[in-house]
């Protein structure tokens, strides 16, 4: 069976080949009536756009790269990433754009990402979970537009971003523990070369001031195993803690496991609070009091900013979204 061509679409729609071509290449100056006729003809004929040919004309690839600067295993462990990917795929599909997922957790991965992007294979880059000093950031500066999900730290060139207000969320949880009358409040942070790690610790310290001593702070890497290790460390160092703010729900699940192993009751002996309000928060025992960050909305805003830059905007403003305290049974 002969594959339908642009000429077939034009004949079925009753318009010129040039009008069909302008519509397919994103030209705004196509009448509504012609647009409806062409779209109907495309559906009826089964015509499929030749992306390779169109990219030669439009200088667009029809794809966006999402770069996750973490080891491969974190992609499948942390439910937040699936939310980001799902939202990005849906929004890009509305613009007939495809999402290409690439990991950049080590030097070899970063080199592949740079070769791919500099090779002209993407119209834009979505950065997820960036780390301070990441050489990938500078390597991509002369490439297509880039937007980050979360602020990028330690870099002179400003990269637009959308993010939850991490510092506000940390203050909300710590203030809640204070209102509960907890006296020895500890924290398990995220990696201190990430904006979430830094800003959530800053919010914790905003509330406690000098009481936020090093003895009451342990560090994780966003994984459940690191939360368990950090909780054990805190119990050994400061056995009388009566509350712990954990900078992610996944790490909080690990902290709960360590507390159970140590015979500590939650929340009677130690109140536990997380951050994210991911699916993990309702699957722990007990269910987790946490900070809800509007992850889907953050993902939408990140993609919106990138699409604006792809469409030619010279500048976009960062978007920071508020967080919310969600009270369950762990505190």
C-alpha atoms as a PDB file:
ATOM      1  CA  UNK A   1       0.000   0.000   0.000  1.00  0.00           C
ATOM      2  CA  UNK A   2       1.355   3.415  -1.003  1.00  0.00           C
ATOM      3  CA  UNK A   3       2.328   5.650   1.910  1.00  0.00           C
ATOM      4  CA  UNK A   4       0.262   8.889   1.884  1.00  0.00           C
ATOM      5  CA  UNK A   5       2.178  12.051   0.999  1.00  0.00           C
ATOM      6  CA  UNK A   6       1.782  15.746   1.642  1.00  0.00           C
ATOM      7  CA  UNK A   7       0.255  16.015  -1.858  1.00  0.00           C
ATOM      8  CA  UNK A   8      -2.472  13.548  -0.799  1.00  0.00           C
ATOM      9  CA  UNK A   9      -3.223  15.647   2.275  1.00  0.00           C
ATOM     10  CA  UNK A  10      -3.419  18.838   0.193  1.00  0.00           C
ATOM     11  CA  UNK A  11      -5.789  17.199  -2.322  1.00  0.00           C
ATOM     12  CA  UNK A  12      -8.042  15.817   0.437  1.00  0.00           C
ATOM     13  CA  UNK A  13      -8.122  19.177   2.223  1.00  0.00           C
ATOM     14  CA  UNK A  14      -8.689  21.213  -0.928  1.00  0.00           C
ATOM     15  CA  UNK A  15      -5.685  23.470  -0.248  1.00  0.00           C
ATOM     16  CA  UNK A  16      -2.258  23.942  -1.774  1.00  0.00           C
ATOM     17  CA  UNK A  17       0.756  21.837  -0.829  1.00  0.00           C
ATOM     18  CA  UNK A  18       2.382  25.037   0.462  1.00  0.00           C
ATOM     19  CA  UNK A  19      -0.466  25.656   2.908  1.00  0.00           C
ATOM     20  CA  UNK A  20      -0.121  22.124   4.311  1.00  0.00           C
ATOM     21  CA  UNK A  21       3.633  22.612   4.591  1.00  0.00           C
ATOM     22  CA  UNK A  22       3.231  25.903   6.457  1.00  0.00           C
ATOM     23  CA  UNK A  23       0.872  24.309   8.971  1.00  0.00           C
ATOM     24  CA  UNK A  24       3.179  21.333   9.553  1.00  0.00           C
ATOM     25  CA  UNK A  25       6.117  23.677  10.112  1.00  0.00           C
ATOM     26  CA  UNK A  26       4.276  25.649  12.762  1.00  0.00           C
ATOM     27  CA  UNK A  27       3.382  28.740  10.718  1.00  0.00           C
ATOM     28  CA  UNK A  28       0.788  30.815  12.574  1.00  0.00           C
ATOM     29  CA  UNK A  29      -0.590  32.366   9.385  1.00  0.00           C
ATOM     30  CA  UNK A  30      -2.888  29.541   8.324  1.00  0.00           C
ATOM     31  CA  UNK A  31      -6.611  30.281   8.417  1.00  0.00           C
ATOM     32  CA  UNK A  32      -8.742  28.395  10.956  1.00  0.00           C
ATOM     33  CA  UNK A  33     -10.810  26.845   8.159  1.00  0.00           C
ATOM     34  CA  UNK A  34      -7.712  25.588   6.339  1.00  0.00           C
ATOM     35  CA  UNK A  35      -6.269  24.280   9.597  1.00  0.00           C
ATOM     36  CA  UNK A  36      -9.407  22.240  10.342  1.00  0.00           C
ATOM     37  CA  UNK A  37      -9.504  20.885   6.776  1.00  0.00           C
ATOM     38  CA  UNK A  38      -5.825  19.897   6.848  1.00  0.00           C
ATOM     39  CA  UNK A  39      -6.059  18.221  10.247  1.00  0.00           C
ATOM     40  CA  UNK A  40      -9.102  16.249   9.066  1.00  0.00           C
ATOM     41  CA  UNK A  41      -7.256  15.238   5.877  1.00  0.00           C
ATOM     42  CA  UNK A  42      -4.226  14.096   7.862  1.00  0.00           C
ATOM     43  CA  UNK A  43      -6.475  11.909   9.992  1.00  0.00           C
ATOM     44  CA  UNK A  44      -8.333  10.470   7.019  1.00  0.00           C
ATOM     45  CA  UNK A  45      -5.275   9.753   4.882  1.00  0.00           C
ATOM     46  CA  UNK A  46      -3.123   8.447   7.748  1.00  0.00           C
ATOM     47  CA  UNK A  47      -0.313  10.823   6.799  1.00  0.00           C
ATOM     48  CA  UNK A  48       2.693  10.751   9.142  1.00  0.00           C
ATOM     49  CA  UNK A  49       5.060  13.719   9.311  1.00  0.00           C
ATOM     50  CA  UNK A  50       8.643  12.955   8.260  1.00  0.00           C
ATOM     51  CA  UNK A  51      10.497  14.478  11.198  1.00  0.00           C
ATOM     52  CA  UNK A  52      13.903  14.247   9.557  1.00  0.00           C
ATOM     53  CA  UNK A  53      12.721  16.205   6.533  1.00  0.00           C
ATOM     54  CA  UNK A  54      10.859  18.748   8.647  1.00  0.00           C
ATOM     55  CA  UNK A  55      13.893  19.380  10.857  1.00  0.00           C
ATOM     56  CA  UNK A  56      15.902  20.425   7.793  1.00  0.00           C
ATOM     57  CA  UNK A  57      13.358  23.166   7.144  1.00  0.00           C
ATOM     58  CA  UNK A  58      12.519  24.269  10.680  1.00  0.00           C
ATOM     59  CA  UNK A  59      15.937  23.687  12.278  1.00  0.00           C
ATOM     60  CA  UNK A  60      14.023  21.883  15.026  1.00  0.00           C
ATOM     61  CA  UNK A  61      14.548  18.300  16.118  1.00  0.00           C
ATOM     62  CA  UNK A  62      11.137  17.732  17.676  1.00  0.00           C
ATOM     63  CA  UNK A  63      12.636  16.470  20.927  1.00  0.00           C
ATOM     64  CA  UNK A  64      13.640  17.664  24.388  1.00  0.00           C
ATOM     65  CA  UNK A  65      16.238  15.973  26.574  1.00  0.00           C
ATOM     66  CA  UNK A  66      15.629  15.448  30.295  1.00  0.00           C
ATOM     67  CA  UNK A  67      18.968  15.016  32.080  1.00  0.00           C
ATOM     68  CA  UNK A  68      18.996  13.391  35.520  1.00  0.00           C
ATOM     69  CA  UNK A  69      22.317  13.964  37.286  1.00  0.00           C
ATOM     70  CA  UNK A  70      22.056  10.902  39.521  1.00  0.00           C
ATOM     71  CA  UNK A  71      23.112   7.230  39.394  1.00  0.00           C
ATOM     72  CA  UNK A  72      20.855   4.929  37.372  1.00  0.00           C
ATOM     73  CA  UNK A  73      19.319   3.179  40.389  1.00  0.00           C
ATOM     74  CA  UNK A  74      17.863   6.404  41.827  1.00  0.00           C
ATOM     75  CA  UNK A  75      15.646   6.840  38.781  1.00  0.00           C
ATOM     76  CA  UNK A  76      13.710   3.719  39.757  1.00  0.00           C
ATOM     77  CA  UNK A  77      13.814   4.144  43.552  1.00  0.00           C
ATOM     78  CA  UNK A  78      12.567   7.717  43.942  1.00  0.00           C
ATOM     79  CA  UNK A  79       8.870   8.194  42.991  1.00  0.00           C
ATOM     80  CA  UNK A  80       9.404  11.930  42.437  1.00  0.00           C
ATOM     81  CA  UNK A  81      11.206  11.277  39.167  1.00  0.00           C
ATOM     82  CA  UNK A  82       8.276   9.341  37.714  1.00  0.00           C
ATOM     83  CA  UNK A  83       6.024  12.334  38.392  1.00  0.00           C
ATOM     84  CA  UNK A  84       8.406  14.696  36.623  1.00  0.00           C
ATOM     85  CA  UNK A  85       8.725  12.388  33.620  1.00  0.00           C
ATOM     86  CA  UNK A  86       4.975  11.770  33.343  1.00  0.00           C
ATOM     87  CA  UNK A  87       4.120  15.489  33.387  1.00  0.00           C
ATOM     88  CA  UNK A  88       6.887  16.374  30.929  1.00  0.00           C
ATOM     89  CA  UNK A  89       5.825  13.679  28.445  1.00  0.00           C
ATOM     90  CA  UNK A  90       2.203  14.837  28.546  1.00  0.00           C
ATOM     91  CA  UNK A  91       2.992  18.545  28.086  1.00  0.00           C
ATOM     92  CA  UNK A  92       5.548  17.996  25.334  1.00  0.00           C
ATOM     93  CA  UNK A  93       3.177  15.678  23.475  1.00  0.00           C
ATOM     94  CA  UNK A  94       0.688  18.552  23.261  1.00  0.00           C
ATOM     95  CA  UNK A  95       3.342  20.344  21.188  1.00  0.00           C
ATOM     96  CA  UNK A  96       4.227  17.214  19.183  1.00  0.00           C
ATOM     97  CA  UNK A  97       7.580  17.017  20.972  1.00  0.00           C
ATOM     98  CA  UNK A  98       9.203  13.830  22.230  1.00  0.00           C
ATOM     99  CA  UNK A  99      11.050  13.415  25.537  1.00  0.00           C
ATOM    100  CA  UNK A 100      14.477  11.774  25.539  1.00  0.00           C
ATOM    101  CA  UNK A 101      15.659  10.628  28.977  1.00  0.00           C
ATOM    102  CA  UNK A 102      19.412  10.676  29.662  1.00  0.00           C
ATOM    103  CA  UNK A 103      21.306   9.981  32.888  1.00  0.00           C
ATOM    104  CA  UNK A 104      24.432  11.895  33.864  1.00  0.00           C
ATOM    105  CA  UNK A 105      25.495  10.284  37.124  1.00  0.00           C
ATOM    106  CA  UNK A 106      29.142   9.757  36.145  1.00  0.00           C
ATOM    107  CA  UNK A 107      31.754  11.174  33.808  1.00  0.00           C
ATOM    108  CA  UNK A 108      31.010   8.764  30.954  1.00  0.00           C
ATOM    109  CA  UNK A 109      27.288   9.529  31.107  1.00  0.00           C
ATOM    110  CA  UNK A 110      27.961  13.278  31.159  1.00  0.00           C
ATOM    111  CA  UNK A 111      30.162  13.030  28.068  1.00  0.00           C
ATOM    112  CA  UNK A 112      27.418  11.179  26.199  1.00  0.00           C
ATOM    113  CA  UNK A 113      24.872  13.843  27.161  1.00  0.00           C
ATOM    114  CA  UNK A 114      27.154  16.645  25.977  1.00  0.00           C
ATOM    115  CA  UNK A 115      27.866  14.900  22.644  1.00  0.00           C
ATOM    116  CA  UNK A 116      24.158  14.305  22.094  1.00  0.00           C
ATOM    117  CA  UNK A 117      23.063  17.851  22.884  1.00  0.00           C
ATOM    118  CA  UNK A 118      25.935  19.573  21.085  1.00  0.00           C
ATOM    119  CA  UNK A 119      25.275  17.319  18.129  1.00  0.00           C
ATOM    120  CA  UNK A 120      22.022  19.175  17.552  1.00  0.00           C
ATOM    121  CA  UNK A 121      19.699  16.355  18.548  1.00  0.00           C
ATOM    122  CA  UNK A 122      17.519  18.372  20.973  1.00  0.00           C
ATOM    123  CA  UNK A 123      15.567  21.620  20.929  1.00  0.00           C
ATOM    124  CA  UNK A 124      15.959  22.082  24.685  1.00  0.00           C
ATOM    125  CA  UNK A 125      17.240  20.542  27.908  1.00  0.00           C
ATOM    126  CA  UNK A 126      15.387  19.869  31.172  1.00  0.00           C
ATOM    127  CA  UNK A 127      17.849  19.526  34.057  1.00  0.00           C
ATOM    128  CA  UNK A 128      16.847  17.467  37.101  1.00  0.00           C
ATOM    129  CA  UNK A 129      18.749  17.087  40.388  1.00  0.00           C
ATOM    130  CA  UNK A 130      21.767  19.212  39.551  1.00  0.00           C
ATOM    131  CA  UNK A 131      24.801  19.294  41.853  1.00  0.00           C
ATOM    132  CA  UNK A 132      27.116  22.196  42.641  1.00  0.00           C
ATOM    133  CA  UNK A 133      30.216  22.172  40.483  1.00  0.00           C
ATOM    134  CA  UNK A 134      28.717  19.750  37.950  1.00  0.00           C
ATOM    135  CA  UNK A 135      30.878  20.167  34.786  1.00  0.00           C
ATOM    136  CA  UNK A 136      27.838  19.296  32.683  1.00  0.00           C
ATOM    137  CA  UNK A 137      26.351  22.732  33.346  1.00  0.00           C
ATOM    138  CA  UNK A 138      29.206  24.638  31.741  1.00  0.00           C
ATOM    139  CA  UNK A 139      29.529  22.093  28.940  1.00  0.00           C
ATOM    140  CA  UNK A 140      25.915  22.779  27.928  1.00  0.00           C
ATOM    141  CA  UNK A 141      26.072  26.581  28.079  1.00  0.00           C
ATOM    142  CA  UNK A 142      26.540  27.024  24.314  1.00  0.00           C
ATOM    143  CA  UNK A 143      23.817  24.521  23.436  1.00  0.00           C
ATOM    144  CA  UNK A 144      20.035  24.826  23.131  1.00  0.00           C
ATOM    145  CA  UNK A 145      17.903  26.459  25.872  1.00  0.00           C
ATOM    146  CA  UNK A 146      18.072  24.782  29.265  1.00  0.00           C
ATOM    147  CA  UNK A 147      15.760  25.004  32.281  1.00  0.00           C
ATOM    148  CA  UNK A 148      16.238  23.360  35.665  1.00  0.00           C
ATOM    149  CA  UNK A 149      13.723  21.707  37.970  1.00  0.00           C
ATOM    150  CA  UNK A 150      15.103  23.408  41.085  1.00  0.00           C
ATOM    151  CA  UNK A 151      17.663  26.220  41.284  1.00  0.00           C
ATOM    152  CA  UNK A 152      21.200  25.635  40.048  1.00  0.00           C
ATOM    153  CA  UNK A 153      23.849  26.545  42.607  1.00  0.00           C
ATOM    154  CA  UNK A 154      27.480  27.544  42.255  1.00  0.00           C
ATOM    155  CA  UNK A 155      27.344  28.721  38.649  1.00  0.00           C
ATOM    156  CA  UNK A 156      27.806  32.207  37.227  1.00  0.00           C
ATOM    157  CA  UNK A 157      25.514  31.721  34.228  1.00  0.00           C
ATOM    158  CA  UNK A 158      21.923  31.879  35.448  1.00  0.00           C
ATOM    159  CA  UNK A 159      19.741  28.952  34.389  1.00  0.00           C
ATOM    160  CA  UNK A 160      15.977  29.549  34.637  1.00  0.00           C
ATOM    161  CA  UNK A 161      14.164  27.216  37.004  1.00  0.00           C
ATOM    162  CA  UNK A 162      10.924  26.264  38.684  1.00  0.00           C
ATOM    163  CA  UNK A 163      10.982  24.901  42.233  1.00  0.00           C
ATOM    164  CA  UNK A 164       9.124  24.403  45.469  1.00  0.00           C
ATOM    165  CA  UNK A 165      10.096  26.739  48.309  1.00  0.00           C
ATOM    166  CA  UNK A 166      12.367  24.246  50.102  1.00  0.00           C
ATOM    167  CA  UNK A 167      13.379  26.658  52.844  1.00  0.00           C
ATOM    168  CA  UNK A 168       9.752  27.513  53.641  1.00  0.00           C
ATOM    169  CA  UNK A 169       8.822  23.817  53.819  1.00  0.00           C
ATOM    170  CA  UNK A 170      11.647  23.068  56.224  1.00  0.00           C
ATOM    171  CA  UNK A 171      10.554  25.947  58.457  1.00  0.00           C
ATOM    172  CA  UNK A 172       6.973  24.670  58.425  1.00  0.00           C
ATOM    173  CA  UNK A 173       8.005  21.214  59.629  1.00  0.00           C
ATOM    174  CA  UNK A 174      10.458  22.458  62.260  1.00  0.00           C
ATOM    175  CA  UNK A 175       7.963  24.979  63.626  1.00  0.00           C
ATOM    176  CA  UNK A 176       5.393  22.178  63.877  1.00  0.00           C
ATOM    177  CA  UNK A 177       7.779  20.115  66.008  1.00  0.00           C
ATOM    178  CA  UNK A 178       8.364  23.133  68.243  1.00  0.00           C
ATOM    179  CA  UNK A 179       4.593  23.598  68.672  1.00  0.00           C
ATOM    180  CA  UNK A 180       4.344  19.928  69.668  1.00  0.00           C
ATOM    181  CA  UNK A 181       6.749  20.664  72.506  1.00  0.00           C
ATOM    182  CA  UNK A 182       9.654  18.587  71.148  1.00  0.00           C
ATOM    183  CA  UNK A 183      12.939  19.677  72.713  1.00  0.00           C
ATOM    184  CA  UNK A 184      15.704  17.721  70.926  1.00  0.00           C
ATOM    185  CA  UNK A 185      14.923  18.119  67.231  1.00  0.00           C
ATOM    186  CA  UNK A 186      17.363  16.533  64.792  1.00  0.00           C
ATOM    187  CA  UNK A 187      17.591  16.620  61.003  1.00  0.00           C
ATOM    188  CA  UNK A 188      18.679  14.294  58.206  1.00  0.00           C
ATOM    189  CA  UNK A 189      19.615  16.454  55.219  1.00  0.00           C
ATOM    190  CA  UNK A 190      19.892  15.679  51.545  1.00  0.00           C
ATOM    191  CA  UNK A 191      23.251  15.993  49.724  1.00  0.00           C
ATOM    192  CA  UNK A 192      24.861  19.310  50.572  1.00  0.00           C
ATOM    193  CA  UNK A 193      25.829  19.982  46.960  1.00  0.00           C
ATOM    194  CA  UNK A 194      22.169  20.159  45.918  1.00  0.00           C
ATOM    195  CA  UNK A 195      19.759  23.087  46.377  1.00  0.00           C
ATOM    196  CA  UNK A 196      17.280  20.873  48.248  1.00  0.00           C
ATOM    197  CA  UNK A 197      19.985  19.720  50.643  1.00  0.00           C
ATOM    198  CA  UNK A 198      21.154  23.249  51.353  1.00  0.00           C
ATOM    199  CA  UNK A 199      17.855  25.098  51.525  1.00  0.00           C
ATOM    200  CA  UNK A 200      16.032  22.548  53.684  1.00  0.00           C
ATOM    201  CA  UNK A 201      18.872  22.693  56.206  1.00  0.00           C
ATOM    202  CA  UNK A 202      18.691  26.500  56.119  1.00  0.00           C
ATOM    203  CA  UNK A 203      14.975  26.389  56.921  1.00  0.00           C
ATOM    204  CA  UNK A 204      15.616  24.014  59.828  1.00  0.00           C
ATOM    205  CA  UNK A 205      18.288  26.368  61.195  1.00  0.00           C
ATOM    206  CA  UNK A 206      16.048  29.426  60.690  1.00  0.00           C
ATOM    207  CA  UNK A 207      13.714  28.054  63.355  1.00  0.00           C
ATOM    208  CA  UNK A 208      16.129  26.481  65.827  1.00  0.00           C
ATOM    209  CA  UNK A 209      18.990  28.948  65.598  1.00  0.00           C
ATOM    210  CA  UNK A 210      21.859  27.899  67.878  1.00  0.00           C
ATOM    211  CA  UNK A 211      19.995  24.754  68.884  1.00  0.00           C
ATOM    212  CA  UNK A 212      20.621  23.366  65.377  1.00  0.00           C
ATOM    213  CA  UNK A 213      24.024  21.993  66.370  1.00  0.00           C
ATOM    214  CA  UNK A 214      26.184  19.627  64.330  1.00  0.00           C
ATOM    215  CA  UNK A 215      25.413  16.817  66.782  1.00  0.00           C
ATOM    216  CA  UNK A 216      21.768  17.016  65.740  1.00  0.00           C
ATOM    217  CA  UNK A 217      22.426  16.967  61.968  1.00  0.00           C
ATOM    218  CA  UNK A 218      23.269  13.943  59.811  1.00  0.00           C
ATOM    219  CA  UNK A 219      23.510  13.772  56.031  1.00  0.00           C
ATOM    220  CA  UNK A 220      21.879  11.457  53.496  1.00  0.00           C
ATOM    221  CA  UNK A 221      21.845  11.164  49.718  1.00  0.00           C
ATOM    222  CA  UNK A 222      18.062  10.979  49.100  1.00  0.00           C
ATOM    223  CA  UNK A 223      18.034   7.138  49.222  1.00  0.00           C
ATOM    224  CA  UNK A 224      16.173   5.043  51.786  1.00  0.00           C
ATOM    225  CA  UNK A 225      19.382   3.302  52.832  1.00  0.00           C
ATOM    226  CA  UNK A 226      21.071   6.631  53.560  1.00  0.00           C
ATOM    227  CA  UNK A 227      18.133   7.687  55.746  1.00  0.00           C
ATOM    228  CA  UNK A 228      18.487   4.509  57.780  1.00  0.00           C
ATOM    229  CA  UNK A 229      22.249   5.005  58.185  1.00  0.00           C
ATOM    230  CA  UNK A 230      21.846   8.645  59.191  1.00  0.00           C
ATOM    231  CA  UNK A 231      19.164   7.797  61.762  1.00  0.00           C
ATOM    232  CA  UNK A 232      21.411   5.181  63.359  1.00  0.00           C
ATOM    233  CA  UNK A 233      24.194   7.761  63.480  1.00  0.00           C
ATOM    234  CA  UNK A 234      21.943  10.289  65.213  1.00  0.00           C
ATOM    235  CA  UNK A 235      20.751   7.750  67.799  1.00  0.00           C
ATOM    236  CA  UNK A 236      24.321   6.780  68.645  1.00  0.00           C
ATOM    237  CA  UNK A 237      25.447  10.385  68.883  1.00  0.00           C
ATOM    238  CA  UNK A 238      22.386  11.914  70.579  1.00  0.00           C
ATOM    239  CA  UNK A 239      20.170   9.167  72.030  1.00  0.00           C
ATOM    240  CA  UNK A 240      17.725  11.613  73.640  1.00  0.00           C
ATOM    241  CA  UNK A 241      16.366  13.149  70.430  1.00  0.00           C
ATOM    242  CA  UNK A 242      12.566  13.331  70.408  1.00  0.00           C
ATOM    243  CA  UNK A 243      11.947  14.509  66.836  1.00  0.00           C
ATOM    244  CA  UNK A 244      13.678  14.267  63.463  1.00  0.00           C
ATOM    245  CA  UNK A 245      12.986  16.195  60.288  1.00  0.00           C
ATOM    246  CA  UNK A 246      14.070  14.128  57.282  1.00  0.00           C
ATOM    247  CA  UNK A 247      14.615  16.001  54.009  1.00  0.00           C
ATOM    248  CA  UNK A 248      12.779  13.449  51.841  1.00  0.00           C
ATOM    249  CA  UNK A 249      10.041  10.876  52.327  1.00  0.00           C
ATOM    250  CA  UNK A 250      12.243   8.110  50.973  1.00  0.00           C
ATOM    251  CA  UNK A 251      14.977   8.822  53.516  1.00  0.00           C
ATOM    252  CA  UNK A 252      12.283   9.125  56.209  1.00  0.00           C
ATOM    253  CA  UNK A 253      11.203   5.561  55.411  1.00  0.00           C
ATOM    254  CA  UNK A 254      14.763   4.481  56.174  1.00  0.00           C
ATOM    255  CA  UNK A 255      14.765   6.517  59.380  1.00  0.00           C
ATOM    256  CA  UNK A 256      11.567   4.784  60.521  1.00  0.00           C
ATOM    257  CA  UNK A 257      13.200   1.396  59.953  1.00  0.00           C
ATOM    258  CA  UNK A 258      16.182   2.417  62.096  1.00  0.00           C
ATOM    259  CA  UNK A 259      13.913   3.677  64.875  1.00  0.00           C
ATOM    260  CA  UNK A 260      11.946   0.411  64.897  1.00  0.00           C
ATOM    261  CA  UNK A 261      15.183  -1.576  65.081  1.00  0.00           C
ATOM    262  CA  UNK A 262      16.275   0.552  68.045  1.00  0.00           C
ATOM    263  CA  UNK A 263      12.983  -0.012  69.875  1.00  0.00           C
ATOM    264  CA  UNK A 264      11.882   3.623  69.587  1.00  0.00           C
ATOM    265  CA  UNK A 265       8.156   4.267  69.248  1.00  0.00           C
ATOM    266  CA  UNK A 266       6.945   6.715  66.598  1.00  0.00           C
ATOM    267  CA  UNK A 267       5.643   9.255  67.424  1.00  0.00           C
ATOM    268  CA  UNK A 268       5.607   8.587  71.194  1.00  0.00           C
ATOM    269  CA  UNK A 269       9.383   8.539  71.634  1.00  0.00           C
ATOM    270  CA  UNK A 270      10.487  10.226  68.405  1.00  0.00           C
ATOM    271  CA  UNK A 271       8.319  12.248  66.032  1.00  0.00           C
ATOM    272  CA  UNK A 272       9.288  11.893  62.375  1.00  0.00           C
ATOM    273  CA  UNK A 273       8.582  14.331  59.546  1.00  0.00           C
ATOM    274  CA  UNK A 274       9.448  13.971  55.871  1.00  0.00           C
ATOM    275  CA  UNK A 275       9.428  16.138  52.766  1.00  0.00           C
ATOM    276  CA  UNK A 276       7.723  15.631  49.365  1.00  0.00           C
ATOM    277  CA  UNK A 277       4.356  13.990  50.159  1.00  0.00           C
ATOM    278  CA  UNK A 278       5.205  11.303  47.623  1.00  0.00           C
ATOM    279  CA  UNK A 279       3.557   7.878  47.440  1.00  0.00           C
ATOM    280  CA  UNK A 280       6.103   6.733  50.037  1.00  0.00           C
ATOM    281  CA  UNK A 281       4.487   8.947  52.699  1.00  0.00           C
ATOM    282  CA  UNK A 282       1.268   6.913  52.793  1.00  0.00           C
ATOM    283  CA  UNK A 283       2.952   3.515  52.585  1.00  0.00           C
ATOM    284  CA  UNK A 284       5.120   3.783  55.703  1.00  0.00           C
ATOM    285  CA  UNK A 285       4.154   2.534  59.158  1.00  0.00           C
ATOM    286  CA  UNK A 286       2.975   4.802  60.629  1.00  0.00           C
ATOM    287  CA  UNK A 287       1.916   7.047  57.696  1.00  0.00           C
ATOM    288  CA  UNK A 288       4.271   9.985  57.401  1.00  0.00           C
ATOM    289  CA  UNK A 289       3.687  13.567  58.461  1.00  0.00           C
ATOM    290  CA  UNK A 290       5.425  15.469  55.691  1.00  0.00           C
ATOM    291  CA  UNK A 291       5.776  18.616  53.625  1.00  0.00           C
ATOM    292  CA  UNK A 292       3.844  18.573  50.385  1.00  0.00           C
ATOM    293  CA  UNK A 293       5.767  20.103  47.541  1.00  0.00           C
ATOM    294  CA  UNK A 294       3.643  20.696  44.418  1.00  0.00           C
ATOM    295  CA  UNK A 295       5.773  18.423  42.263  1.00  0.00           C
ATOM    296  CA  UNK A 296       3.400  18.114  39.316  1.00  0.00           C
ATOM    297  CA  UNK A 297       2.917  21.878  39.208  1.00  0.00           C
ATOM    298  CA  UNK A 298       6.676  22.404  39.457  1.00  0.00           C
ATOM    299  CA  UNK A 299       7.184  20.048  36.516  1.00  0.00           C
ATOM    300  CA  UNK A 300       4.536  21.916  34.506  1.00  0.00           C
ATOM    301  CA  UNK A 301       6.206  25.250  35.189  1.00  0.00           C
ATOM    302  CA  UNK A 302       9.635  23.872  34.283  1.00  0.00           C
ATOM    303  CA  UNK A 303       8.371  22.619  30.912  1.00  0.00           C
ATOM    304  CA  UNK A 304       6.447  25.862  30.328  1.00  0.00           C
ATOM    305  CA  UNK A 305       9.599  27.926  30.842  1.00  0.00           C
ATOM    306  CA  UNK A 306      11.571  25.720  28.467  1.00  0.00           C
ATOM    307  CA  UNK A 307       8.899  25.891  25.762  1.00  0.00           C
ATOM    308  CA  UNK A 308       8.895  29.681  26.036  1.00  0.00           C
ATOM    309  CA  UNK A 309      12.656  29.753  25.435  1.00  0.00           C
ATOM    310  CA  UNK A 310      12.392  27.300  22.540  1.00  0.00           C
ATOM    311  CA  UNK A 311       9.754  29.584  21.015  1.00  0.00           C
ATOM    312  CA  UNK A 312      12.176  32.489  21.120  1.00  0.00           C
ATOM    313  CA  UNK A 313      11.692  34.210  24.480  1.00  0.00           C
ATOM    314  CA  UNK A 314      14.887  35.996  25.473  1.00  0.00           C
ATOM    315  CA  UNK A 315      14.239  35.781  29.209  1.00  0.00           C
ATOM    316  CA  UNK A 316      11.935  33.932  31.615  1.00  0.00           C
ATOM    317  CA  UNK A 317      11.515  34.536  35.331  1.00  0.00           C
ATOM    318  CA  UNK A 318      12.097  31.733  37.886  1.00  0.00           C
ATOM    319  CA  UNK A 319       8.977  30.255  39.495  1.00  0.00           C
ATOM    320  CA  UNK A 320       8.916  29.350  43.198  1.00  0.00           C
ATOM    321  CA  UNK A 321       5.852  27.532  44.524  1.00  0.00           C
ATOM    322  CA  UNK A 322       4.669  27.308  48.166  1.00  0.00           C
ATOM    323  CA  UNK A 323       4.713  24.121  50.251  1.00  0.00           C
ATOM    324  CA  UNK A 324       2.163  22.732  52.705  1.00  0.00           C
ATOM    325  CA  UNK A 325       2.403  20.804  55.993  1.00  0.00           C
ATOM    326  CA  UNK A 326       0.518  17.479  55.815  1.00  0.00           C
ATOM    327  CA  UNK A 327      -0.135  15.935  59.239  1.00  0.00           C
ATOM    328  CA  UNK A 328      -0.439  12.155  59.546  1.00  0.00           C
ATOM    329  CA  UNK A 329       0.446   9.677  62.284  1.00  0.00           C
ATOM    330  CA  UNK A 330       4.253   9.880  62.533  1.00  0.00           C
ATOM    331  CA  UNK A 331       4.196  13.263  64.301  1.00  0.00           C
END
